[in-house]
Amino acid sequence: MSKVKLATVWLDGCSGCHMSFLDMDERLLDIADRIELVYSPLVDHKEFPEGVDVTIVEGAVSSEEDLEKIRKVRSRTRILVSLGDCAVTSNVPGMRNMFGSEAIMDRAYLENAQENRKHPDKIIPPLLTQTRPIHEFVPVDVFVPGCPPSADHIFSVVADLLDGKTPDQTRFLRFG
């Protein structure tokens, strides 16, 4: 039996969903036997590969870099999973929407800076006007809300997907 090619991606979020993923503890061993981890912030792959079976994405789309990445991920993935409230609703990263990206950059790099007061032009990718959930840019197949979703919820979703089933999330469904 061939292994499922699985990837995880982190956009604009806190990494709490990846931490919750790791909280599956010994159940990770059950999953590891059934997958080939082809891309993740937890490993050292530089380029998102072609032909991924399942990609789990944490975080909202906030920058041009995020947008480019999620479009590439979607084009190379059979099943795309929005993991956590940031990916599903834009949650905390979306709080900046009421102020606008220019005001956020001014606050961070001009008003609060003690030295080198200027907007970065190389390291920080340009922000989008609004932070948005993943599904507003690309089609999403599975939504896993929670901030973060519990390890039990993530395991249930991943196990169902590895079994070729549509995840039943009724016992876990919650926001926040």
N, C-alpha and C. Protein backbone atom coordinates (compact mmCIF):
# COMPACT_ATOMS: atom_id res chain seq x y z
N MET A 1 0.84 -1.17 0.00
CA MET A 1 0.00 0.00 0.00
C MET A 1 0.89 1.24 0.00
N SER A 2 0.62 2.18 -0.90
CA SER A 2 1.43 3.39 -0.96
C SER A 2 1.01 4.35 0.14
N LYS A 3 1.95 5.16 0.57
CA LYS A 3 1.68 6.12 1.63
C LYS A 3 1.06 7.38 1.06
N VAL A 4 0.23 8.02 1.88
CA VAL A 4 -0.40 9.28 1.52
C VAL A 4 0.65 10.39 1.64
N LYS A 5 0.75 11.19 0.60
CA LYS A 5 1.67 12.33 0.65
C LYS A 5 0.98 13.46 1.38
N LEU A 6 1.49 13.79 2.57
CA LEU A 6 0.90 14.79 3.44
C LEU A 6 1.84 15.98 3.58
N ALA A 7 1.26 17.18 3.58
CA ALA A 7 2.02 18.40 3.82
C ALA A 7 1.29 19.23 4.86
N THR A 8 2.05 20.02 5.60
CA THR A 8 1.45 21.03 6.47
C THR A 8 2.10 22.37 6.12
N VAL A 9 1.28 23.43 6.20
CA VAL A 9 1.73 24.76 5.83
C VAL A 9 1.30 25.73 6.92
N TRP A 10 2.13 26.73 7.17
CA TRP A 10 1.85 27.75 8.16
C TRP A 10 1.85 29.11 7.47
N LEU A 11 0.70 29.77 7.46
CA LEU A 11 0.58 31.12 6.91
C LEU A 11 0.62 32.10 8.09
N ASP A 12 -0.27 33.11 8.11
CA ASP A 12 -0.27 34.11 9.18
C ASP A 12 -1.07 33.59 10.36
N GLY A 13 -0.37 33.10 11.36
CA GLY A 13 -0.97 32.57 12.57
C GLY A 13 0.11 32.41 13.62
N CYS A 14 -0.23 31.78 14.70
CA CYS A 14 0.69 31.71 15.84
C CYS A 14 1.44 30.39 15.96
N SER A 15 1.16 29.43 15.13
CA SER A 15 1.69 28.07 15.14
C SER A 15 1.02 27.19 16.19
N GLY A 16 -0.02 27.69 16.84
CA GLY A 16 -0.74 26.89 17.84
C GLY A 16 -1.36 25.64 17.26
N CYS A 17 -1.81 25.72 16.01
CA CYS A 17 -2.42 24.54 15.38
C CYS A 17 -1.36 23.46 15.12
N HIS A 18 -0.15 23.87 14.73
CA HIS A 18 0.92 22.89 14.57
C HIS A 18 1.30 22.29 15.92
N MET A 19 1.26 23.10 16.97
CA MET A 19 1.56 22.58 18.30
C MET A 19 0.49 21.57 18.72
N SER A 20 -0.77 21.86 18.39
CA SER A 20 -1.86 20.94 18.69
C SER A 20 -1.70 19.66 17.87
N PHE A 21 -1.25 19.79 16.62
CA PHE A 21 -0.96 18.62 15.78
C PHE A 21 0.08 17.74 16.49
N LEU A 22 1.13 18.36 17.00
CA LEU A 22 2.16 17.60 17.70
C LEU A 22 1.65 17.00 19.01
N ASP A 23 0.61 17.60 19.59
CA ASP A 23 0.02 17.08 20.82
C ASP A 23 -0.71 15.75 20.62
N MET A 24 -0.76 15.26 19.39
CA MET A 24 -1.33 13.93 19.18
C MET A 24 -0.45 12.86 19.81
N ASP A 25 0.76 13.26 20.20
CA ASP A 25 1.70 12.40 20.93
C ASP A 25 1.91 11.07 20.22
N GLU A 26 1.68 9.94 20.92
CA GLU A 26 1.98 8.62 20.34
C GLU A 26 1.12 8.30 19.12
N ARG A 27 0.00 8.98 18.95
CA ARG A 27 -0.82 8.77 17.75
C ARG A 27 -0.09 9.25 16.49
N LEU A 28 0.90 10.13 16.66
CA LEU A 28 1.72 10.54 15.52
C LEU A 28 2.43 9.34 14.89
N LEU A 29 2.77 8.36 15.73
CA LEU A 29 3.43 7.16 15.21
C LEU A 29 2.49 6.37 14.31
N ASP A 30 1.21 6.30 14.68
CA ASP A 30 0.21 5.63 13.84
C ASP A 30 0.08 6.33 12.50
N ILE A 31 0.07 7.66 12.55
CA ILE A 31 -0.04 8.44 11.32
C ILE A 31 1.23 8.31 10.49
N ALA A 32 2.39 8.38 11.16
CA ALA A 32 3.68 8.34 10.46
C ALA A 32 3.83 7.08 9.61
N ASP A 33 3.28 5.97 10.06
CA ASP A 33 3.36 4.72 9.30
C ASP A 33 2.57 4.78 8.00
N ARG A 34 1.62 5.72 7.91
CA ARG A 34 0.71 5.75 6.76
C ARG A 34 0.96 6.92 5.82
N ILE A 35 1.90 7.82 6.17
CA ILE A 35 2.12 9.01 5.35
C ILE A 35 3.58 9.15 4.95
N GLU A 36 3.77 9.97 3.93
CA GLU A 36 5.08 10.49 3.60
C GLU A 36 4.95 12.01 3.81
N LEU A 37 5.63 12.56 4.80
CA LEU A 37 5.57 13.99 5.07
C LEU A 37 6.46 14.68 4.05
N VAL A 38 5.81 15.35 3.08
CA VAL A 38 6.55 15.90 1.94
C VAL A 38 6.87 17.38 2.08
N TYR A 39 6.21 18.07 3.02
CA TYR A 39 6.47 19.49 3.24
C TYR A 39 5.87 19.89 4.56
N SER A 40 6.60 20.73 5.33
CA SER A 40 6.10 21.18 6.62
C SER A 40 7.10 22.16 7.23
N PRO A 41 6.62 23.09 8.09
CA PRO A 41 7.58 23.90 8.83
C PRO A 41 8.34 23.05 9.85
N LEU A 42 7.91 21.82 10.04
CA LEU A 42 8.55 20.92 10.99
C LEU A 42 9.72 20.17 10.36
N VAL A 43 9.88 20.28 9.03
CA VAL A 43 10.98 19.64 8.32
C VAL A 43 11.64 20.68 7.42
N ASP A 44 12.67 20.30 6.71
CA ASP A 44 13.49 21.26 5.99
C ASP A 44 13.31 21.24 4.47
N HIS A 45 12.10 21.08 3.98
CA HIS A 45 11.86 21.14 2.54
C HIS A 45 11.70 22.61 2.14
N LYS A 46 12.33 22.99 1.06
CA LYS A 46 12.31 24.40 0.64
C LYS A 46 11.19 24.72 -0.34
N GLU A 47 10.85 23.80 -1.21
CA GLU A 47 9.87 24.05 -2.27
C GLU A 47 8.66 23.13 -2.08
N PHE A 48 7.45 23.70 -2.18
CA PHE A 48 6.25 22.88 -2.06
C PHE A 48 6.16 21.95 -3.27
N PRO A 49 6.04 20.64 -3.05
CA PRO A 49 6.09 19.68 -4.15
C PRO A 49 4.79 19.55 -4.94
N GLU A 50 4.88 18.91 -6.07
CA GLU A 50 3.72 18.55 -6.88
C GLU A 50 3.11 17.26 -6.33
N GLY A 51 1.84 17.03 -6.63
CA GLY A 51 1.21 15.75 -6.35
C GLY A 51 0.98 15.42 -4.89
N VAL A 52 0.65 16.41 -4.08
CA VAL A 52 0.40 16.17 -2.66
C VAL A 52 -1.04 15.69 -2.50
N ASP A 53 -1.23 14.66 -1.69
CA ASP A 53 -2.58 14.13 -1.47
C ASP A 53 -3.39 15.00 -0.51
N VAL A 54 -2.80 15.34 0.63
CA VAL A 54 -3.50 16.12 1.65
C VAL A 54 -2.56 17.21 2.16
N THR A 55 -3.05 18.45 2.16
CA THR A 55 -2.29 19.54 2.78
C THR A 55 -3.15 20.18 3.86
N ILE A 56 -2.55 20.32 5.04
CA ILE A 56 -3.20 20.94 6.18
C ILE A 56 -2.58 22.33 6.33
N VAL A 57 -3.43 23.37 6.25
CA VAL A 57 -2.93 24.74 6.28
C VAL A 57 -3.44 25.47 7.52
N GLU A 58 -2.50 26.02 8.26
CA GLU A 58 -2.79 26.85 9.43
C GLU A 58 -2.56 28.31 9.06
N GLY A 59 -3.41 29.19 9.55
CA GLY A 59 -3.19 30.63 9.40
C GLY A 59 -4.02 31.26 8.31
N ALA A 60 -4.12 32.57 8.39
CA ALA A 60 -4.88 33.37 7.42
C ALA A 60 -3.95 33.84 6.30
N VAL A 61 -4.57 34.38 5.27
CA VAL A 61 -3.83 34.94 4.14
C VAL A 61 -3.72 36.44 4.39
N SER A 62 -2.50 36.91 4.71
CA SER A 62 -2.30 38.31 5.09
C SER A 62 -1.33 39.08 4.21
N SER A 63 -0.50 38.37 3.48
CA SER A 63 0.54 39.03 2.69
C SER A 63 0.54 38.49 1.27
N GLU A 64 1.25 39.19 0.41
CA GLU A 64 1.40 38.72 -0.96
C GLU A 64 2.09 37.35 -0.99
N GLU A 65 3.02 37.15 -0.07
CA GLU A 65 3.70 35.86 0.04
C GLU A 65 2.72 34.74 0.41
N ASP A 66 1.84 35.01 1.39
CA ASP A 66 0.81 34.03 1.78
C ASP A 66 -0.08 33.69 0.59
N LEU A 67 -0.49 34.70 -0.15
CA LEU A 67 -1.39 34.50 -1.29
C LEU A 67 -0.72 33.65 -2.36
N GLU A 68 0.51 33.97 -2.67
CA GLU A 68 1.25 33.17 -3.66
C GLU A 68 1.40 31.73 -3.20
N LYS A 69 1.71 31.56 -1.90
CA LYS A 69 1.90 30.21 -1.35
C LYS A 69 0.61 29.41 -1.39
N ILE A 70 -0.52 30.00 -0.95
CA ILE A 70 -1.76 29.22 -0.90
C ILE A 70 -2.24 28.85 -2.30
N ARG A 71 -2.01 29.71 -3.27
CA ARG A 71 -2.37 29.37 -4.64
C ARG A 71 -1.52 28.22 -5.17
N LYS A 72 -0.24 28.23 -4.86
CA LYS A 72 0.64 27.13 -5.27
C LYS A 72 0.24 25.84 -4.57
N VAL A 73 0.00 25.94 -3.26
CA VAL A 73 -0.41 24.76 -2.48
C VAL A 73 -1.68 24.15 -3.07
N ARG A 74 -2.68 24.99 -3.33
CA ARG A 74 -3.96 24.49 -3.87
C ARG A 74 -3.76 23.82 -5.23
N SER A 75 -2.94 24.40 -6.07
CA SER A 75 -2.75 23.84 -7.41
C SER A 75 -2.01 22.51 -7.38
N ARG A 76 -1.34 22.21 -6.28
CA ARG A 76 -0.53 20.99 -6.18
C ARG A 76 -1.09 19.98 -5.18
N THR A 77 -2.31 20.24 -4.68
CA THR A 77 -2.89 19.42 -3.61
C THR A 77 -4.25 18.89 -4.01
N ARG A 78 -4.49 17.61 -3.71
CA ARG A 78 -5.79 17.00 -3.99
C ARG A 78 -6.83 17.40 -2.94
N ILE A 79 -6.49 17.32 -1.64
CA ILE A 79 -7.41 17.67 -0.56
C ILE A 79 -6.75 18.75 0.30
N LEU A 80 -7.41 19.91 0.39
CA LEU A 80 -6.89 21.03 1.17
C LEU A 80 -7.72 21.19 2.44
N VAL A 81 -7.03 21.23 3.58
CA VAL A 81 -7.67 21.33 4.90
C VAL A 81 -7.31 22.68 5.51
N SER A 82 -8.34 23.47 5.87
CA SER A 82 -8.13 24.71 6.64
C SER A 82 -8.15 24.33 8.11
N LEU A 83 -7.02 24.49 8.77
CA LEU A 83 -6.87 24.06 10.17
C LEU A 83 -6.86 25.26 11.10
N GLY A 84 -7.87 25.36 11.94
CA GLY A 84 -7.91 26.39 12.96
C GLY A 84 -8.68 27.63 12.53
N ASP A 85 -9.06 28.42 13.52
CA ASP A 85 -9.90 29.59 13.27
C ASP A 85 -9.24 30.64 12.39
N CYS A 86 -7.92 30.77 12.43
CA CYS A 86 -7.27 31.75 11.55
C CYS A 86 -7.45 31.36 10.09
N ALA A 87 -7.28 30.08 9.78
CA ALA A 87 -7.46 29.60 8.42
C ALA A 87 -8.92 29.63 8.00
N VAL A 88 -9.83 29.36 8.94
CA VAL A 88 -11.26 29.25 8.64
C VAL A 88 -11.96 30.61 8.60
N THR A 89 -11.58 31.54 9.51
CA THR A 89 -12.30 32.82 9.62
C THR A 89 -11.40 34.05 9.56
N SER A 90 -10.13 33.89 9.59
CA SER A 90 -9.05 34.89 9.70
C SER A 90 -8.83 35.34 11.13
N ASN A 91 -9.71 35.05 12.04
CA ASN A 91 -9.57 35.18 13.49
C ASN A 91 -8.64 36.33 13.92
N VAL A 92 -7.62 36.05 14.71
CA VAL A 92 -6.76 37.10 15.28
C VAL A 92 -6.02 37.90 14.21
N PRO A 93 -5.41 37.28 13.19
CA PRO A 93 -4.75 38.10 12.17
C PRO A 93 -5.72 39.07 11.48
N GLY A 94 -6.99 38.70 11.39
CA GLY A 94 -7.99 39.56 10.77
C GLY A 94 -8.34 40.79 11.60
N MET A 95 -7.93 40.83 12.84
CA MET A 95 -8.22 41.99 13.68
C MET A 95 -7.57 43.26 13.14
N ARG A 96 -6.55 43.11 12.33
CA ARG A 96 -5.90 44.29 11.77
C ARG A 96 -6.74 44.94 10.67
N ASN A 97 -7.75 44.25 10.17
CA ASN A 97 -8.54 44.75 9.04
C ASN A 97 -9.20 46.10 9.31
N MET A 98 -9.58 46.35 10.55
CA MET A 98 -10.26 47.62 10.85
C MET A 98 -9.30 48.81 10.79
N PHE A 99 -8.00 48.54 10.82
CA PHE A 99 -7.02 49.63 10.81
C PHE A 99 -6.37 49.85 9.45
N GLY A 100 -6.28 48.80 8.66
CA GLY A 100 -5.60 48.88 7.37
C GLY A 100 -4.12 48.53 7.50
N SER A 101 -3.57 48.02 6.42
CA SER A 101 -2.19 47.54 6.44
C SER A 101 -1.18 48.67 6.65
N GLU A 102 -1.43 49.84 6.09
CA GLU A 102 -0.49 50.96 6.24
C GLU A 102 -0.40 51.39 7.70
N ALA A 103 -1.53 51.47 8.39
CA ALA A 103 -1.53 51.86 9.80
C ALA A 103 -0.81 50.81 10.66
N ILE A 104 -0.95 49.55 10.30
CA ILE A 104 -0.26 48.48 11.03
C ILE A 104 1.24 48.61 10.85
N MET A 105 1.67 48.84 9.63
CA MET A 105 3.10 49.00 9.36
C MET A 105 3.65 50.24 10.06
N ASP A 106 2.91 51.34 10.03
CA ASP A 106 3.35 52.56 10.72
C ASP A 106 3.51 52.31 12.22
N ARG A 107 2.52 51.65 12.81
CA ARG A 107 2.56 51.39 14.25
C ARG A 107 3.76 50.53 14.62
N ALA A 108 4.00 49.48 13.84
CA ALA A 108 5.08 48.55 14.16
C ALA A 108 6.46 49.12 13.88
N TYR A 109 6.62 49.83 12.76
CA TYR A 109 7.97 50.19 12.32
C TYR A 109 8.31 51.67 12.44
N LEU A 110 7.33 52.51 12.73
CA LEU A 110 7.61 53.94 12.91
C LEU A 110 7.31 54.38 14.34
N GLU A 111 6.07 54.18 14.78
CA GLU A 111 5.65 54.67 16.09
C GLU A 111 6.31 53.93 17.25
N ASN A 112 6.49 52.62 17.13
CA ASN A 112 7.05 51.83 18.23
C ASN A 112 8.55 51.61 18.12
N ALA A 113 9.17 52.06 17.07
CA ALA A 113 10.60 51.83 16.87
C ALA A 113 11.42 52.88 17.61
N GLN A 114 12.50 52.45 18.19
CA GLN A 114 13.44 53.35 18.84
C GLN A 114 14.58 53.72 17.88
N GLU A 115 14.92 52.79 17.00
CA GLU A 115 16.00 53.01 16.04
C GLU A 115 15.53 52.51 14.67
N ASN A 116 16.20 53.00 13.63
CA ASN A 116 15.94 52.53 12.26
C ASN A 116 14.45 52.61 11.91
N ARG A 117 13.88 53.76 12.16
CA ARG A 117 12.44 53.97 11.95
C ARG A 117 12.13 54.09 10.47
N LYS A 118 11.74 52.98 9.86
CA LYS A 118 11.31 52.97 8.47
C LYS A 118 10.61 51.65 8.18
N HIS A 119 9.79 51.66 7.17
CA HIS A 119 9.14 50.41 6.76
C HIS A 119 10.19 49.50 6.12
N PRO A 120 10.19 48.23 6.48
CA PRO A 120 11.13 47.30 5.84
C PRO A 120 10.78 47.14 4.37
N ASP A 121 11.78 46.99 3.54
CA ASP A 121 11.52 46.83 2.11
C ASP A 121 12.04 45.52 1.55
N LYS A 122 12.67 44.69 2.38
CA LYS A 122 13.21 43.44 1.88
C LYS A 122 12.75 42.21 2.66
N ILE A 123 12.72 42.29 3.96
CA ILE A 123 12.48 41.10 4.78
C ILE A 123 10.99 40.79 4.93
N ILE A 124 10.18 41.78 5.14
CA ILE A 124 8.75 41.60 5.37
C ILE A 124 8.02 41.64 4.03
N PRO A 125 7.26 40.59 3.71
CA PRO A 125 6.50 40.63 2.45
C PRO A 125 5.40 41.68 2.51
N PRO A 126 5.08 42.30 1.39
CA PRO A 126 4.01 43.31 1.38
C PRO A 126 2.69 42.72 1.89
N LEU A 127 2.02 43.48 2.76
CA LEU A 127 0.74 43.04 3.32
C LEU A 127 -0.37 43.27 2.30
N LEU A 128 -1.36 42.39 2.32
CA LEU A 128 -2.58 42.62 1.56
C LEU A 128 -3.39 43.69 2.27
N THR A 129 -4.31 44.30 1.59
CA THR A 129 -5.16 45.33 2.19
C THR A 129 -5.95 44.75 3.36
N GLN A 130 -6.43 43.53 3.22
CA GLN A 130 -7.21 42.86 4.26
C GLN A 130 -6.67 41.44 4.46
N THR A 131 -6.70 40.98 5.70
CA THR A 131 -6.39 39.58 6.01
C THR A 131 -7.68 38.79 5.83
N ARG A 132 -7.60 37.65 5.16
CA ARG A 132 -8.78 36.87 4.85
C ARG A 132 -8.54 35.38 5.10
N PRO A 133 -9.61 34.63 5.32
CA PRO A 133 -9.48 33.17 5.45
C PRO A 133 -9.13 32.55 4.10
N ILE A 134 -8.59 31.38 4.16
CA ILE A 134 -8.09 30.68 2.98
C ILE A 134 -9.16 30.52 1.90
N HIS A 135 -10.38 30.14 2.30
CA HIS A 135 -11.41 29.83 1.31
C HIS A 135 -11.84 31.03 0.48
N GLU A 136 -11.46 32.23 0.88
CA GLU A 136 -11.78 33.40 0.06
C GLU A 136 -10.82 33.54 -1.13
N PHE A 137 -9.78 32.73 -1.15
CA PHE A 137 -8.79 32.79 -2.24
C PHE A 137 -8.74 31.50 -3.06
N VAL A 138 -8.93 30.36 -2.41
CA VAL A 138 -8.86 29.07 -3.10
C VAL A 138 -9.93 28.14 -2.51
N PRO A 139 -10.36 27.14 -3.28
CA PRO A 139 -11.32 26.18 -2.74
C PRO A 139 -10.70 25.35 -1.61
N VAL A 140 -11.48 25.14 -0.55
CA VAL A 140 -11.07 24.34 0.60
C VAL A 140 -11.99 23.14 0.67
N ASP A 141 -11.42 21.98 0.97
CA ASP A 141 -12.19 20.73 1.03
C ASP A 141 -12.69 20.40 2.43
N VAL A 142 -11.90 20.70 3.44
CA VAL A 142 -12.25 20.36 4.82
C VAL A 142 -11.92 21.56 5.71
N PHE A 143 -12.87 21.94 6.57
CA PHE A 143 -12.69 23.02 7.53
C PHE A 143 -12.60 22.43 8.92
N VAL A 144 -11.55 22.79 9.67
CA VAL A 144 -11.36 22.29 11.03
C VAL A 144 -11.23 23.51 11.96
N PRO A 145 -12.36 23.99 12.50
CA PRO A 145 -12.30 25.16 13.38
C PRO A 145 -11.73 24.83 14.75
N GLY A 146 -11.42 25.87 15.48
CA GLY A 146 -10.89 25.76 16.83
C GLY A 146 -9.66 26.65 16.96
N CYS A 147 -9.39 27.09 18.16
CA CYS A 147 -8.25 27.99 18.38
C CYS A 147 -7.47 27.54 19.61
N PRO A 148 -6.60 26.55 19.42
CA PRO A 148 -6.48 25.70 18.24
C PRO A 148 -7.45 24.53 18.35
N PRO A 149 -7.65 23.80 17.25
CA PRO A 149 -8.43 22.57 17.36
C PRO A 149 -7.69 21.61 18.30
N SER A 150 -8.44 20.79 18.99
CA SER A 150 -7.80 19.83 19.90
C SER A 150 -7.04 18.77 19.11
N ALA A 151 -6.08 18.18 19.75
CA ALA A 151 -5.33 17.08 19.14
C ALA A 151 -6.27 15.94 18.75
N ASP A 152 -7.30 15.69 19.57
CA ASP A 152 -8.28 14.64 19.25
C ASP A 152 -9.02 14.96 17.95
N HIS A 153 -9.40 16.22 17.79
CA HIS A 153 -10.11 16.65 16.58
C HIS A 153 -9.20 16.50 15.36
N ILE A 154 -7.98 16.97 15.47
CA ILE A 154 -7.04 16.88 14.34
C ILE A 154 -6.79 15.42 13.99
N PHE A 155 -6.57 14.58 15.00
CA PHE A 155 -6.34 13.16 14.74
C PHE A 155 -7.53 12.53 14.04
N SER A 156 -8.74 12.85 14.49
CA SER A 156 -9.95 12.30 13.88
C SER A 156 -10.02 12.67 12.40
N VAL A 157 -9.76 13.94 12.09
CA VAL A 157 -9.81 14.41 10.70
C VAL A 157 -8.74 13.71 9.86
N VAL A 158 -7.51 13.69 10.36
CA VAL A 158 -6.41 13.08 9.60
C VAL A 158 -6.66 11.58 9.41
N ALA A 159 -7.10 10.90 10.46
CA ALA A 159 -7.37 9.46 10.35
C ALA A 159 -8.45 9.18 9.31
N ASP A 160 -9.53 9.98 9.33
CA ASP A 160 -10.58 9.81 8.33
C ASP A 160 -10.04 10.02 6.92
N LEU A 161 -9.26 11.07 6.73
CA LEU A 161 -8.71 11.34 5.40
C LEU A 161 -7.78 10.22 4.94
N LEU A 162 -6.98 9.70 5.85
CA LEU A 162 -6.08 8.59 5.49
C LEU A 162 -6.86 7.33 5.15
N ASP A 163 -8.06 7.19 5.73
CA ASP A 163 -8.92 6.05 5.43
C ASP A 163 -9.78 6.29 4.19
N GLY A 164 -9.62 7.46 3.56
CA GLY A 164 -10.40 7.79 2.36
C GLY A 164 -11.82 8.22 2.66
N LYS A 165 -12.09 8.63 3.91
CA LYS A 165 -13.42 9.05 4.31
C LYS A 165 -13.51 10.56 4.42
N THR A 166 -14.73 11.07 4.29
CA THR A 166 -14.99 12.48 4.59
C THR A 166 -15.06 12.61 6.10
N PRO A 167 -14.26 13.51 6.69
CA PRO A 167 -14.25 13.62 8.16
C PRO A 167 -15.61 13.99 8.73
N ASP A 168 -16.02 13.29 9.80
CA ASP A 168 -17.22 13.62 10.55
C ASP A 168 -16.77 14.45 11.74
N GLN A 169 -17.08 15.74 11.69
CA GLN A 169 -16.60 16.63 12.73
C GLN A 169 -17.68 17.03 13.74
N THR A 170 -18.82 16.40 13.68
CA THR A 170 -19.96 16.84 14.51
C THR A 170 -19.63 16.80 16.00
N ARG A 171 -18.83 15.86 16.44
CA ARG A 171 -18.55 15.78 17.88
C ARG A 171 -17.49 16.78 18.33
N PHE A 172 -16.78 17.39 17.37
CA PHE A 172 -15.72 18.33 17.72
C PHE A 172 -16.04 19.77 17.35
N LEU A 173 -17.06 19.99 16.55
CA LEU A 173 -17.28 21.30 15.94
C LEU A 173 -17.46 22.40 16.98
N ARG A 174 -16.58 23.39 16.93
CA ARG A 174 -16.62 24.54 17.81
C ARG A 174 -15.70 25.60 17.25
N PHE A 175 -15.95 26.83 17.60
CA PHE A 175 -15.04 27.93 17.27
C PHE A 175 -14.47 28.46 18.56
N GLY A 176 -13.18 28.83 18.55
CA GLY A 176 -12.52 29.39 19.74
C GLY A 176 -12.12 28.35 20.73
